[in-house]
Structures are given as C-alpha cells and as structure tokens.
Amino acid sequence: MKKLAILLGGAVALAACAPTEPAEPVAPVAAVDPNNPLFAPGYMAMAASSDQFEIQSSQLAQQASQTVAVRNFANMLIADHTRSSQLIMAAGQSAGLAPPPPALLPQHQAMLDQLRAAGTGPSFDAAFKTAQIDAHQQALQLHQGYATGGDVPALRDVAGQLVPIIQTHLGQAQMLNIAPPAPPPPMAPAEPRSGERG
C-alpha cells in the first residue's frame, strides 16, 4: 500500500511537471503604416490634407482672382470639400478612429505656397487652374484606391461617394475659362545720352 501511495504521488508530481498543450499561436499584429493610403490612418490624413488644400487655396482665390468663373469655382470647392471632410471624419469616428488634425501635408503646403507666390489677377488664375487640376487628379487617385482596396468599410463607402464629386471638380478645373496672363510690356528703346551719336 505504501508503494502504491509513493507511485501515485510520483505520477502526480510527474504530471505536474509535464508540458501542457501548447496554446494556439497568436498571430502577430501587423503594424499599420500611417502613410499607406489603403489603411484608414493614412487615407484619413491624406484626405484631410487634400480637403484643407482645396479650402485654403479657394479662400485665396476669392481674394486674388478678379475672374468670376474662378471665384464661383472656388466657392463650390469650399462647400464641397468642407462637406467631404465632415463625411470622412464621421465615417472614421463611427469605426472608432480618431480624426487627424486638419493640417496640410508637405506636398499640399508647397502647392499652397506656390499659389501665394503667384500674385493676383491672370497670373494667379493660371496657377490656380494648374494647381486644381493636379490636386484633383491626386485626390481622385486617393479616393478611387481606397474605395476599391481600403481597410475600413465605412470609409470605403464614403470614398466611393466622393469619387464622382472629385471627377466633376477635375472636369470643371480642366475647362475653367481664364484669360491668359498679359505679356510683359515691351521695353522702350534706350534714349541716347546727350553728347553721344545715335
């Protein structure tokens, strides 16, 4: 009986030391690249910057342009891109994502700085048209890409809703009727100085 108790005690002790079943392997959590436009943080930051560029450049157009078509286009851009920002932020918040600060990324800041340096009148209008075509081509690529391959369904839906609006803006920017910048005035011939033969 004593032997049985010792054997039983030994078996219990060995069982306690035996390795347990391995737990299910935990999949590593992939780090989300905040600059990748197919992941929500990158998409939201780029979309917010794009909208801010549209709003700020259009506010600048209201001050620097004397062309009615440019000013009307700028008013539409302010309204539509303010709404676009609201839709993206609401979709992000519904998915539990913190909205990015409304800041310009370096590429949009550089574009805005170029517009500010363009001056006023026809030279501004030409620079504004070019900037709007470039910015809307980039925005269209961003929203189309996210609508087809983005990671958050609510944001994918909003991106899909924004694609036709961006396409309309791009078409209107391309057809924006502006006067070409005036050529510089011709240089007057230099007057010969007194005492010089002409």
Protein backbone atom coordinates (compact mmCIF):
# COMPACT_ATOMS: atom_id res chain seq x y z
CA MET A 1 0.00 0.00 0.00
CA LYS A 2 2.88 2.28 0.85
CA LYS A 3 4.43 1.53 -2.55
CA LEU A 4 1.19 2.38 -4.28
CA ALA A 5 0.98 5.71 -2.48
CA ILE A 6 4.58 6.51 -3.46
CA LEU A 7 3.94 5.53 -7.08
CA LEU A 8 0.73 7.54 -7.17
CA GLY A 9 2.46 10.55 -5.62
CA GLY A 10 5.29 10.25 -8.16
CA ALA A 11 2.85 10.08 -11.06
CA VAL A 12 1.04 13.18 -9.82
CA ALA A 13 4.36 15.00 -9.43
CA LEU A 14 5.45 13.98 -12.94
CA ALA A 15 2.11 15.04 -14.39
CA ALA A 16 2.54 18.46 -12.81
CA CYS A 17 5.94 18.83 -14.46
CA ALA A 18 4.83 17.63 -17.90
CA PRO A 19 4.49 20.31 -20.54
CA THR A 20 0.94 21.43 -21.13
CA GLU A 21 -0.70 21.58 -24.52
CA PRO A 22 0.73 24.49 -26.46
CA ALA A 23 -1.65 27.38 -26.67
CA GLU A 24 -2.98 28.46 -30.03
CA PRO A 25 -0.31 30.58 -31.68
CA VAL A 26 -1.21 34.25 -31.57
CA ALA A 27 -0.98 35.92 -34.93
CA PRO A 28 1.37 38.87 -34.82
CA VAL A 29 -0.39 42.19 -35.08
CA ALA A 30 0.73 43.87 -38.27
CA ALA A 31 1.89 47.42 -37.79
CA VAL A 32 -0.27 49.85 -39.73
CA ASP A 33 1.74 52.20 -41.92
CA PRO A 34 0.28 55.67 -41.24
CA ASN A 35 1.47 56.80 -44.68
CA ASN A 36 -0.21 54.00 -46.62
CA PRO A 37 -3.40 55.37 -48.24
CA LEU A 38 -5.05 51.92 -48.14
CA PHE A 39 -5.03 51.93 -44.33
CA ALA A 40 -7.51 54.20 -42.57
CA PRO A 41 -4.97 56.44 -40.74
CA GLY A 42 -3.05 57.20 -43.94
CA TYR A 43 -6.20 57.64 -46.01
CA MET A 44 -7.82 59.96 -43.46
CA ALA A 45 -4.67 62.10 -43.10
CA MET A 46 -4.22 62.43 -46.87
CA ALA A 47 -7.91 63.14 -47.47
CA ALA A 48 -7.96 65.76 -44.69
CA SER A 49 -4.88 67.47 -46.13
CA SER A 50 -6.34 67.37 -49.64
CA ASP A 51 -9.59 68.95 -48.42
CA GLN A 52 -7.68 71.60 -46.48
CA PHE A 53 -5.66 72.47 -49.57
CA GLU A 54 -8.86 72.84 -51.60
CA ILE A 55 -10.47 75.04 -48.95
CA GLN A 56 -7.44 77.25 -48.29
CA SER A 57 -6.49 77.64 -51.96
CA SER A 58 -10.10 78.54 -52.78
CA GLN A 59 -10.18 81.12 -49.99
CA LEU A 60 -7.02 82.57 -51.52
CA ALA A 61 -8.71 82.61 -54.94
CA GLN A 62 -11.57 84.67 -53.54
CA GLN A 63 -9.03 87.35 -52.63
CA ALA A 64 -6.54 87.08 -55.51
CA SER A 65 -8.75 86.49 -58.56
CA GLN A 66 -10.88 89.01 -60.40
CA THR A 67 -12.35 86.32 -62.69
CA VAL A 68 -15.97 85.43 -61.93
CA ALA A 69 -15.55 81.81 -63.14
CA VAL A 70 -12.58 81.27 -60.82
CA ARG A 71 -14.36 82.79 -57.84
CA ASN A 72 -17.52 80.72 -58.46
CA PHE A 73 -15.45 77.55 -58.80
CA ALA A 74 -13.63 78.43 -55.56
CA ASN A 75 -16.96 78.88 -53.72
CA MET A 76 -18.12 75.45 -54.87
CA LEU A 77 -14.82 73.85 -53.81
CA ILE A 78 -15.05 75.34 -50.31
CA ALA A 79 -18.59 74.00 -49.84
CA ASP A 80 -17.93 70.54 -51.32
CA HIS A 81 -14.59 69.94 -49.59
CA THR A 82 -15.92 71.11 -46.23
CA ARG A 83 -18.69 68.52 -46.64
CA SER A 84 -16.18 65.89 -47.79
CA SER A 85 -14.12 66.40 -44.63
CA GLN A 86 -17.23 66.06 -42.48
CA LEU A 87 -18.24 62.79 -44.18
CA ILE A 88 -14.79 61.24 -43.82
CA MET A 89 -14.45 62.25 -40.17
CA ALA A 90 -17.94 60.93 -39.33
CA ALA A 91 -17.19 57.60 -41.03
CA GLY A 92 -13.86 57.34 -39.23
CA GLN A 93 -15.42 58.10 -35.85
CA SER A 94 -18.16 55.52 -36.46
CA ALA A 95 -15.35 52.97 -36.92
CA GLY A 96 -13.66 54.10 -33.67
CA LEU A 97 -10.85 56.04 -35.37
CA ALA A 98 -9.54 59.35 -34.07
CA PRO A 99 -9.70 62.06 -36.73
CA PRO A 100 -6.39 63.53 -37.84
CA PRO A 101 -5.78 67.22 -37.18
CA PRO A 102 -6.82 69.42 -40.11
CA ALA A 103 -3.26 70.08 -41.28
CA LEU A 104 -1.60 70.31 -44.65
CA LEU A 105 0.89 67.62 -45.57
CA PRO A 106 4.16 68.96 -47.04
CA GLN A 107 3.08 68.39 -50.67
CA HIS A 108 -0.12 70.42 -50.19
CA GLN A 109 1.69 73.13 -48.23
CA ALA A 110 4.18 73.51 -51.11
CA MET A 111 1.32 73.82 -53.61
CA LEU A 112 -0.36 76.47 -51.46
CA ASP A 113 2.91 78.38 -51.11
CA GLN A 114 3.30 78.40 -54.91
CA LEU A 115 -0.21 79.80 -55.28
CA ARG A 116 0.51 82.55 -52.76
CA ALA A 117 3.63 83.48 -54.74
CA ALA A 118 1.65 83.68 -58.00
CA GLY A 119 0.37 87.15 -57.16
CA THR A 120 -3.08 88.28 -58.29
CA GLY A 121 -5.13 88.58 -61.44
CA PRO A 122 -4.47 86.46 -64.55
CA SER A 123 -1.15 85.05 -63.26
CA PHE A 124 -2.93 83.78 -60.13
CA ASP A 125 -5.79 82.36 -62.19
CA ALA A 126 -3.41 80.35 -64.37
CA ALA A 127 -1.57 78.99 -61.32
CA PHE A 128 -4.88 78.22 -59.59
CA LYS A 129 -6.19 76.26 -62.58
CA THR A 130 -2.99 74.20 -62.79
CA ALA A 131 -2.98 73.55 -59.03
CA GLN A 132 -6.63 72.45 -59.04
CA ILE A 133 -6.07 70.02 -61.90
CA ASP A 134 -3.04 68.50 -60.15
CA ALA A 135 -4.73 68.38 -56.73
CA HIS A 136 -7.92 66.80 -58.07
CA GLN A 137 -6.00 64.18 -60.06
CA GLN A 138 -4.20 63.21 -56.82
CA ALA A 139 -7.45 63.25 -54.82
CA LEU A 140 -9.21 61.12 -57.43
CA GLN A 141 -6.44 58.52 -57.26
CA LEU A 142 -6.58 58.56 -53.43
CA HIS A 143 -10.37 58.08 -53.17
CA GLN A 144 -10.61 55.53 -56.01
CA GLY A 145 -7.79 53.49 -54.46
CA TYR A 146 -9.37 53.48 -51.02
CA ALA A 147 -12.88 52.79 -52.38
CA THR A 148 -11.61 49.59 -54.01
CA GLY A 149 -8.93 48.44 -51.54
CA GLY A 150 -9.30 50.29 -48.25
CA ASP A 151 -9.41 48.51 -44.91
CA VAL A 152 -12.44 50.12 -43.19
CA PRO A 153 -15.86 49.52 -44.82
CA ALA A 154 -17.44 52.80 -43.63
CA LEU A 155 -14.56 54.80 -45.08
CA ARG A 156 -14.62 52.75 -48.30
CA ASP A 157 -18.28 53.71 -48.75
CA VAL A 158 -17.54 57.41 -48.27
CA ALA A 159 -14.54 57.25 -50.62
CA GLY A 160 -16.81 55.72 -53.26
CA GLN A 161 -19.36 58.52 -52.77
CA LEU A 162 -16.64 61.16 -53.19
CA VAL A 163 -15.20 59.78 -56.45
CA PRO A 164 -17.89 61.28 -58.76
CA ILE A 165 -17.68 64.64 -56.96
CA ILE A 166 -13.90 64.76 -57.44
CA GLN A 167 -14.32 63.73 -61.10
CA THR A 168 -16.77 66.62 -61.60
CA HIS A 169 -14.35 69.08 -59.96
CA LEU A 170 -11.49 67.82 -62.14
CA GLY A 171 -13.54 68.27 -65.31
CA GLN A 172 -14.56 71.77 -64.26
CA ALA A 173 -10.95 72.70 -63.41
CA GLN A 174 -9.78 71.49 -66.81
CA MET A 175 -12.46 73.58 -68.57
CA LEU A 176 -12.02 76.65 -66.36
CA ASN A 177 -12.07 79.61 -68.73
CA ILE A 178 -9.42 82.08 -67.70
CA ALA A 179 -7.65 84.85 -69.54
CA PRO A 180 -4.00 84.12 -70.21
CA PRO A 181 -1.57 86.28 -68.25
CA ALA A 182 -0.77 89.50 -70.07
CA PRO A 183 2.65 89.57 -71.70
CA PRO A 184 5.12 91.95 -70.11
CA PRO A 185 5.15 95.44 -71.70
CA PRO A 186 7.74 95.87 -74.43
CA MET A 187 10.96 97.51 -73.41
CA ALA A 188 11.30 101.05 -74.74
CA PRO A 189 14.47 101.60 -76.74
CA ALA A 190 17.13 103.33 -74.72
CA GLU A 191 17.41 107.05 -75.44
CA PRO A 192 20.89 108.07 -76.49
CA ARG A 193 22.55 110.25 -73.90
CA SER A 194 23.36 113.82 -74.80
CA GLY A 195 26.70 114.11 -76.45
CA GLU A 196 26.50 110.58 -77.89
CA ARG A 197 25.99 110.00 -81.53
CA GLY A 198 22.92 107.98 -82.39
